[in-house]
Structure formats: C-alpha cells, structure tokens
C-alpha cells in the first residue's frame, strides 16, 4: 500500500464516540482511605545552592550529614565531578567542577527559575503520595522510596531511580512547555508535554516501573513491544486514575482525541502493513517511542492529522485494557508479572476496535 493510500484511510474516518472525552483517564478508583503512606521528599537543589561559594568544602561537609547516602552519588555519578570522597580545598574537582556548578551565573539563574516555579513541592508531593497509596493497595509490599528533587542543569533524564530507597526528580526539566531554554537547547518540540509540572508523577512512576519491569526490544515483535508499553500504561492508569490520558502518555489533548477517533484505523494499519509480527527495528521502532509523528500515518505539520509518534503504545494500552476487562479475576500484580504470549494475549483480549 502506498503512503498516499495509507493517508487516505486516515482522512476518511467515520465519526466515533470519544471514549476519553477530553482525554481523561476513566479508570475506577478503589477506596484507599485506610492505606497509610509516609512519603519523604527533599529539596536537594535548594540545599546545594544554599552553600556559600566562598566556603564550598565546609558547605559540602555539612550537607553530607543530611544526605550521607546521596551526596557522593550526586557529585560523582550524577554530575561526574570526580570528588571521590576527598572533601578538601586542594581537590580540584571541588574547586573547579562543584564551584562552577554553584557559582556560574547561568546555573544559578536556572536554580532561581526552579525556585520561582517550585517555591515548594506540596502539590506534587500530594499527587505522588496519592499514587503510592494506590500502588500499596494493589501491591502491599511495594517500597515507597524517598523522593529527592535536584537540579541537573538540563543534562540527562528528567527522573531516575537510584535504588529501592531513592528516586530523583530533576526539577530543571519541568519548567513548562514554553521555557525558552528548552528551545534554545533544541529539545524536541514533541517532548514539550513532558516538561509540564503535572508530568512529574508520571516520570517518577515510569522510572519506578521500568526499574522492575525492564523493557525488552531485541528480537521481539512490534506486538510484543506494544503490549509491554501497554502494561506500563495500564499500571500508570491504575495508580493515577484522575490524571488525563494526555499527561499519562505525554501527548497533547488533541492527539489523544485523534487516537481515540481513529482507534480502529490505527490497529488495522498495523495489521494491513504486516507490522504486528515484524521484528525489524527500522520498520517498527518509532511506533513505541516518543516522536514527532507516526511514520506513514501522519505528518508533523498537518494540524488536521495530529498523530503522535508513540501510537503503538497507545494501541497497546487499549489491548491490555480489553484483556483486563475480559479477565476481571486477574490482578494488577499478576498482569505485570505475567509472561505473556503476544498472540494468545491478543486473542484472549477479544480486542475489536471500530
């Protein structure tokens, strides 16, 4: 089928009911009033930039008392300064790397912007706590790591899982879609929704999820990858039932609406193009990662066809949701730990998009 014919399919879609309305997640919420979660959060970024740049070693020494298990990890592993437990005025890693991090006007300006946008994190902490309550409801033995907010000066991921006890959130990556520095650094426009502060809990729990359920992509079919992403999204929907689909997927609202309206056509595209059981990275990889648009389906510049690149993950979630609707006895924990046969899973889901 030619590209022109493929695009024609998506331009002739019959109007369908938008099951997600304006992109809201409609997952039911269980009663968690009896679930207790004592979330610990720390503003490491503020504590670091409170250090007197004329007395860096003294400031680090005091900070180490508050963060005995994290400060060295941050200095050497996260930032790569190479302090290596040598807190002295003769250590050039401190006098150059750490001192520049604390004193450079651009870095301090970035921290000022963070403090302006996040004078505190109470609202975000509550959202994270509520999600952990639901996580504990579904999986009582799940650990609740402390959350450390940092400023990574726009390098690396927006959140990362250190270990079972610690997860980091990089506040410098959540300063809003229109924060001018993101554009000047040529960060992709399609990632803009990920820079909104409301995406913080999603980024955090994606990291926690992926630390336990690693994504496999080598020598597996597109359907397998779609179901892996679908299980992750089902997990996120379950613990954040009041969060909009647009936030959970990192899409724009009109992209969620487009996917909903074109659900049957999206699935049929993968079938007709023989992609579901294809293992070639060049042919299938872009459908399960964030991107400007879906290859051979949409266009980044076509406002009437706002297809997101990650449509495979969206369809994967729909298949998983259909499976769970057919198998109400399956718990969230069982779903996530299930070693599935993709073909059988699809059959048992009875997924029939219109």
Protein backbone atom coordinates (compact mmCIF):
# COMPACT_ATOMS: atom_id res chain seq x y z
CA UNK A 1 0.00 0.00 0.00
CA UNK A 2 1.37 3.40 -0.94
CA UNK A 3 1.87 6.24 1.53
CA UNK A 4 -0.86 8.18 -0.29
CA UNK A 5 -3.31 5.31 0.15
CA UNK A 6 -2.41 4.95 3.82
CA UNK A 7 -3.02 8.62 4.48
CA UNK A 8 -6.33 8.37 2.62
CA UNK A 9 -7.52 5.73 5.08
CA UNK A 10 -6.97 8.10 7.98
CA UNK A 11 -8.64 11.02 6.23
CA UNK A 12 -11.91 9.12 5.68
CA UNK A 13 -12.67 8.02 9.23
CA UNK A 14 -16.29 7.82 10.35
CA UNK A 15 -17.02 9.95 13.44
CA UNK A 16 -16.71 7.86 16.58
CA UNK A 17 -17.64 8.47 20.19
CA UNK A 18 -14.65 9.84 22.07
CA UNK A 19 -14.49 7.37 24.91
CA UNK A 20 -11.99 9.50 26.79
CA UNK A 21 -13.89 12.78 26.39
CA UNK A 22 -11.25 15.47 26.62
CA UNK A 23 -8.56 12.91 27.23
CA UNK A 24 -9.46 11.99 30.80
CA UNK A 25 -8.42 8.70 32.36
CA UNK A 26 -11.63 6.95 33.43
CA UNK A 27 -10.11 4.14 35.49
CA UNK A 28 -12.12 3.38 38.63
CA UNK A 29 -10.64 4.42 41.96
CA UNK A 30 -10.69 2.00 44.92
CA UNK A 31 -11.04 3.25 48.48
CA UNK A 32 -7.55 3.80 49.89
CA UNK A 33 -8.58 5.74 52.99
CA UNK A 34 -7.07 3.02 55.14
CA UNK A 35 -3.74 2.93 53.29
CA UNK A 36 -1.01 4.89 55.04
CA UNK A 37 1.96 6.29 53.14
CA UNK A 38 4.61 8.48 54.76
CA UNK A 39 6.34 10.00 51.74
CA UNK A 40 9.70 11.64 52.40
CA UNK A 41 10.79 14.35 49.97
CA UNK A 42 13.87 16.54 49.98
CA UNK A 43 14.83 19.74 48.16
CA UNK A 44 18.42 18.82 47.48
CA UNK A 45 18.61 21.52 44.79
CA UNK A 46 17.86 24.22 47.36
CA UNK A 47 20.29 22.77 49.89
CA UNK A 48 23.09 22.65 47.30
CA UNK A 49 22.58 26.24 46.19
CA UNK A 50 22.43 27.45 49.78
CA UNK A 51 26.13 26.60 50.06
CA UNK A 52 28.37 29.65 50.43
CA UNK A 53 30.58 29.61 47.33
CA UNK A 54 33.41 31.08 49.43
CA UNK A 55 33.30 28.03 51.69
CA UNK A 56 32.32 25.16 49.41
CA UNK A 57 34.13 22.41 51.32
CA UNK A 58 32.55 23.42 54.61
CA UNK A 59 29.13 23.55 52.97
CA UNK A 60 29.54 20.11 51.39
CA UNK A 61 30.69 18.65 54.69
CA UNK A 62 27.54 19.88 56.41
CA UNK A 63 25.38 18.71 53.52
CA UNK A 64 26.87 15.25 53.77
CA UNK A 65 25.40 14.96 57.25
CA UNK A 66 21.91 15.49 55.83
CA UNK A 67 22.48 13.31 52.75
CA UNK A 68 25.01 10.65 53.88
CA UNK A 69 23.94 8.14 51.21
CA UNK A 70 23.27 10.54 48.38
CA UNK A 71 25.74 13.43 48.23
CA UNK A 72 28.68 11.42 46.92
CA UNK A 73 26.41 9.67 44.43
CA UNK A 74 25.20 13.02 43.15
CA UNK A 75 28.66 14.57 42.91
CA UNK A 76 30.39 11.62 41.25
CA UNK A 77 27.77 9.52 39.47
CA UNK A 78 25.07 12.05 38.56
CA UNK A 79 27.25 15.07 37.84
CA UNK A 80 30.57 13.34 37.19
CA UNK A 81 32.67 15.81 39.19
CA UNK A 82 35.02 13.11 40.48
CA UNK A 83 35.20 14.26 44.09
CA UNK A 84 35.67 10.68 45.24
CA UNK A 85 35.17 11.34 48.94
CA UNK A 86 38.01 13.89 49.04
CA UNK A 87 36.49 16.92 50.76
CA UNK A 88 39.45 19.29 50.84
CA UNK A 89 40.41 22.69 49.48
CA UNK A 90 43.13 21.05 47.40
CA UNK A 91 40.76 18.81 45.47
CA UNK A 92 40.43 20.40 42.03
CA UNK A 93 37.16 18.52 41.44
CA UNK A 94 35.63 20.66 44.15
CA UNK A 95 37.43 23.87 43.36
CA UNK A 96 36.54 23.68 39.68
CA UNK A 97 33.61 21.36 39.00
CA UNK A 98 31.50 21.85 42.12
CA UNK A 99 32.39 25.54 42.46
CA UNK A 100 31.37 26.24 38.86
CA UNK A 101 28.11 24.33 39.35
CA UNK A 102 27.30 26.58 42.32
CA UNK A 103 28.60 29.91 41.04
CA UNK A 104 28.13 30.07 37.27
CA UNK A 105 25.51 32.73 36.53
CA UNK A 106 23.61 30.53 34.08
CA UNK A 107 23.39 27.66 36.54
CA UNK A 108 22.35 29.94 39.37
CA UNK A 109 19.83 31.57 37.06
CA UNK A 110 18.39 28.14 36.30
CA UNK A 111 18.07 27.39 40.02
CA UNK A 112 16.37 30.76 40.52
CA UNK A 113 13.87 29.75 37.83
CA UNK A 114 13.29 26.44 39.60
CA UNK A 115 12.63 28.20 42.91
CA UNK A 116 10.26 30.59 41.15
CA UNK A 117 8.27 27.70 39.66
CA UNK A 118 8.60 25.46 42.70
CA UNK A 119 8.68 27.57 45.88
CA UNK A 120 7.58 24.29 47.41
CA UNK A 121 6.51 20.88 46.12
CA UNK A 122 3.44 20.32 48.30
CA UNK A 123 1.02 19.87 45.40
CA UNK A 124 3.31 17.45 43.59
CA UNK A 125 4.08 15.59 46.81
CA UNK A 126 0.37 15.05 47.37
CA UNK A 127 -0.10 13.68 43.86
CA UNK A 128 2.82 11.31 44.36
CA UNK A 129 1.53 10.25 47.79
CA UNK A 130 -1.92 9.51 46.38
CA UNK A 131 -0.35 7.38 43.65
CA UNK A 132 1.73 5.48 46.20
CA UNK A 133 -1.42 4.77 48.22
CA UNK A 134 -2.98 3.13 45.21
CA UNK A 135 0.24 1.29 44.45
CA UNK A 136 0.26 -0.05 48.02
CA UNK A 137 -3.41 -1.00 47.64
CA UNK A 138 -2.65 -3.10 44.58
CA UNK A 139 0.79 -4.30 45.71
CA UNK A 140 1.08 -4.03 49.52
CA UNK A 141 4.76 -5.00 49.63
CA UNK A 142 5.87 -2.28 47.20
CA UNK A 143 8.52 0.00 48.75
CA UNK A 144 7.97 3.74 48.97
CA UNK A 145 11.32 5.38 48.15
CA UNK A 146 12.18 8.86 49.30
CA UNK A 147 12.00 11.44 46.55
CA UNK A 148 14.92 13.81 46.11
CA UNK A 149 14.41 16.88 43.95
CA UNK A 150 17.58 18.01 42.19
CA UNK A 151 18.89 20.44 39.59
CA UNK A 152 20.85 18.51 36.97
CA UNK A 153 21.41 21.62 34.84
CA UNK A 154 19.47 20.25 31.87
CA UNK A 155 21.60 17.15 31.34
CA UNK A 156 20.16 13.65 31.19
CA UNK A 157 16.75 12.27 32.04
CA UNK A 158 14.02 14.10 33.93
CA UNK A 159 13.75 11.43 36.64
CA UNK A 160 15.76 8.37 37.58
CA UNK A 161 15.57 5.52 40.05
CA UNK A 162 18.66 5.27 42.26
CA UNK A 163 17.63 2.17 44.21
CA UNK A 164 14.68 0.78 46.15
CA UNK A 165 15.06 3.58 48.67
CA UNK A 166 15.63 6.63 46.46
CA UNK A 167 14.16 8.18 43.32
CA UNK A 168 15.30 11.51 41.91
CA UNK A 169 13.27 14.14 40.08
CA UNK A 170 15.12 16.78 38.07
CA UNK A 171 13.09 19.95 38.54
CA UNK A 172 15.11 21.72 35.84
CA UNK A 173 13.25 19.56 33.31
CA UNK A 174 9.77 20.64 34.45
CA UNK A 175 9.77 24.40 33.96
CA UNK A 176 6.89 24.46 31.47
CA UNK A 177 6.43 23.80 27.78
CA UNK A 178 7.36 27.36 26.82
CA UNK A 179 10.52 27.67 28.93
CA UNK A 180 12.83 29.33 26.36
CA UNK A 181 15.99 27.46 27.31
CA UNK A 182 14.47 24.17 26.17
CA UNK A 183 14.03 25.52 22.66
CA UNK A 184 17.48 27.10 22.64
CA UNK A 185 18.94 23.70 23.53
CA UNK A 186 16.95 22.24 20.60
CA UNK A 187 14.96 19.87 22.77
CA UNK A 188 12.35 18.21 20.52
CA UNK A 189 9.03 20.05 20.32
CA UNK A 190 7.13 16.77 20.63
CA UNK A 191 8.60 16.36 24.13
CA UNK A 192 7.11 19.65 25.31
CA UNK A 193 4.23 18.00 27.25
CA UNK A 194 6.86 16.13 29.29
CA UNK A 195 8.17 19.46 30.61
CA UNK A 196 4.91 20.37 32.32
CA UNK A 197 4.97 20.09 36.11
CA UNK A 198 1.89 17.82 36.01
CA UNK A 199 4.06 15.21 34.24
CA UNK A 200 6.35 14.82 37.29
CA UNK A 201 4.42 11.94 38.91
CA UNK A 202 4.26 10.15 35.54
CA UNK A 203 8.01 10.49 35.02
CA UNK A 204 8.69 9.30 38.55
CA UNK A 205 6.47 6.22 38.41
CA UNK A 206 7.65 5.31 34.93
CA UNK A 207 11.14 5.13 36.38
CA UNK A 208 9.97 3.02 39.31
CA UNK A 209 8.08 0.72 36.95
CA UNK A 210 10.93 0.29 34.48
CA UNK A 211 13.38 -0.47 37.27
CA UNK A 212 11.32 -3.60 38.00
CA UNK A 213 9.84 -4.48 34.61
CA UNK A 214 12.55 -3.87 32.07
CA UNK A 215 11.52 -3.12 28.52
CA UNK A 216 12.69 -5.73 26.01
CA UNK A 217 13.16 -4.75 22.39
CA UNK A 218 15.77 -7.07 20.92
CA UNK A 219 14.37 -9.80 18.70
CA UNK A 220 10.76 -9.22 19.70
CA UNK A 221 7.80 -8.25 17.53
CA UNK A 222 6.03 -4.94 17.43
CA UNK A 223 3.02 -6.57 19.12
CA UNK A 224 5.26 -7.71 21.97
CA UNK A 225 6.61 -4.19 22.38
CA UNK A 226 3.13 -2.69 22.19
CA UNK A 227 1.93 -4.98 24.96
CA UNK A 228 4.95 -4.18 27.11
CA UNK A 229 4.20 -0.46 26.76
CA UNK A 230 0.51 -1.20 27.23
CA UNK A 231 1.15 -2.93 30.56
CA UNK A 232 3.21 0.05 31.71
CA UNK A 233 0.40 2.42 30.77
CA UNK A 234 -2.18 0.21 32.47
CA UNK A 235 -0.06 0.43 35.62
CA UNK A 236 0.11 4.24 35.36
CA UNK A 237 -3.63 4.49 34.73
CA UNK A 238 -4.33 2.30 37.76
CA UNK A 239 -2.31 4.35 40.24
CA UNK A 240 -3.17 7.75 38.74
CA UNK A 241 -6.84 7.30 37.82
CA UNK A 242 -7.65 11.01 37.83
CA UNK A 243 -4.78 12.01 35.57
CA UNK A 244 -5.63 12.91 31.98
CA UNK A 245 -4.61 10.46 29.26
CA UNK A 246 -2.73 13.28 27.57
CA UNK A 247 -0.48 13.55 30.64
CA UNK A 248 -0.08 9.81 31.15
CA UNK A 249 1.01 9.33 27.53
CA UNK A 250 2.86 12.64 27.23
CA UNK A 251 0.60 13.58 24.30
CA UNK A 252 -1.35 16.74 23.60
CA UNK A 253 -5.11 16.58 24.22
CA UNK A 254 -5.95 16.76 20.51
CA UNK A 255 -3.58 13.85 19.86
CA UNK A 256 -5.44 11.68 22.39
CA UNK A 257 -8.73 12.63 20.75
CA UNK A 258 -7.29 11.80 17.33
CA UNK A 259 -6.10 8.39 18.52
CA UNK A 260 -9.49 7.65 20.09
CA UNK A 261 -11.37 8.64 16.96
CA UNK A 262 -9.03 6.60 14.77
CA UNK A 263 -8.57 3.58 17.04
CA UNK A 264 -9.87 1.02 14.56
CA UNK A 265 -7.90 2.52 11.69
CA UNK A 266 -4.71 2.57 13.74
CA UNK A 267 -4.99 -1.10 14.59
CA UNK A 268 -5.92 -2.01 11.02
CA UNK A 269 -2.89 -0.08 9.79
CA UNK A 270 -0.57 -2.31 11.81
CA UNK A 271 -2.42 -5.42 10.55
CA UNK A 272 -2.56 -4.42 6.90
CA UNK A 273 1.07 -3.37 6.83
CA UNK A 274 2.14 -6.69 8.41
CA UNK A 275 3.79 -4.84 11.26
CA UNK A 276 2.41 -6.65 14.32
CA UNK A 277 4.82 -9.57 13.94
CA UNK A 278 7.66 -7.62 12.38
CA UNK A 279 10.93 -7.53 14.37
CA UNK A 280 12.90 -5.08 12.22
CA UNK A 281 13.89 -2.02 14.23
CA UNK A 282 13.76 0.32 11.24
CA UNK A 283 10.21 -0.73 10.46
CA UNK A 284 8.68 -0.80 13.95
CA UNK A 285 10.84 1.08 16.46
CA UNK A 286 9.28 4.51 16.01
CA UNK A 287 5.77 3.34 16.92
CA UNK A 288 6.62 2.63 20.56
CA UNK A 289 8.77 5.65 21.43
CA UNK A 290 8.06 9.36 21.57
CA UNK A 291 8.41 11.09 18.24
CA UNK A 292 7.08 13.97 16.13
CA UNK A 293 4.54 11.81 14.29
CA UNK A 294 3.78 8.21 13.35
CA UNK A 295 5.61 7.06 10.25
CA UNK A 296 3.35 6.58 7.21
CA UNK A 297 0.31 7.69 9.20
CA UNK A 298 0.59 11.39 9.91
CA UNK A 299 2.62 14.50 9.43
CA UNK A 300 4.29 16.75 11.96
CA UNK A 301 2.97 19.79 10.09
CA UNK A 302 -0.60 18.62 9.43
CA UNK A 303 -2.81 20.21 12.09
CA UNK A 304 -5.78 18.19 10.88
CA UNK A 305 -3.97 14.91 11.47
CA UNK A 306 -2.21 15.36 14.85
CA UNK A 307 -0.97 11.81 15.22
CA UNK A 308 1.70 11.32 17.92
CA UNK A 309 4.72 9.19 17.17
CA UNK A 310 4.07 6.79 20.03
CA UNK A 311 0.77 5.41 18.69
CA UNK A 312 1.86 1.80 19.20
CA UNK A 313 1.99 2.31 22.95
CA UNK A 314 -1.49 3.83 22.88
CA UNK A 315 -2.93 0.87 20.97
CA UNK A 316 -1.00 -1.48 23.26
CA UNK A 317 -2.70 0.06 26.29
CA UNK A 318 -6.09 -0.40 24.65
CA UNK A 319 -5.36 -4.09 24.05
CA UNK A 320 -4.23 -4.60 27.65
CA UNK A 321 -7.31 -2.77 28.95
CA UNK A 322 -9.50 -5.00 26.78
CA UNK A 323 -7.75 -8.09 28.17
CA UNK A 324 -8.30 -6.97 31.75
CA UNK A 325 -11.97 -6.28 31.03
CA UNK A 326 -12.27 -9.86 29.77
CA UNK A 327 -10.38 -11.25 32.78
CA UNK A 328 -11.56 -9.36 35.89
CA UNK A 329 -10.04 -12.03 38.13
CA UNK A 330 -6.51 -11.02 37.05
CA UNK A 331 -4.93 -8.58 39.50
CA UNK A 332 -2.65 -5.72 38.53
CA UNK A 333 0.29 -7.54 40.10
CA UNK A 334 -0.49 -10.70 38.15
CA UNK A 335 -0.75 -8.73 34.92
CA UNK A 336 2.60 -7.03 35.40
CA UNK A 337 4.38 -10.26 36.33
CA UNK A 338 2.71 -12.27 33.56
CA UNK A 339 4.99 -13.82 30.95
CA UNK A 340 2.69 -13.45 28.00
CA UNK A 341 2.48 -14.98 24.59
CA UNK A 342 1.56 -11.91 22.48
CA UNK A 343 -0.61 -13.79 20.00
CA UNK A 344 -2.57 -15.61 22.69
CA UNK A 345 -2.88 -12.44 24.77
CA UNK A 346 -4.33 -10.57 21.79
CA UNK A 347 -6.80 -13.37 21.12
CA UNK A 348 -7.91 -13.53 24.76
CA UNK A 349 -8.30 -9.75 24.88
CA UNK A 350 -11.00 -10.01 22.21
CA UNK A 351 -9.85 -6.60 21.05
CA UNK A 352 -12.27 -5.39 18.39
CA UNK A 353 -11.76 -1.67 17.77
CA UNK A 354 -14.21 0.03 15.43
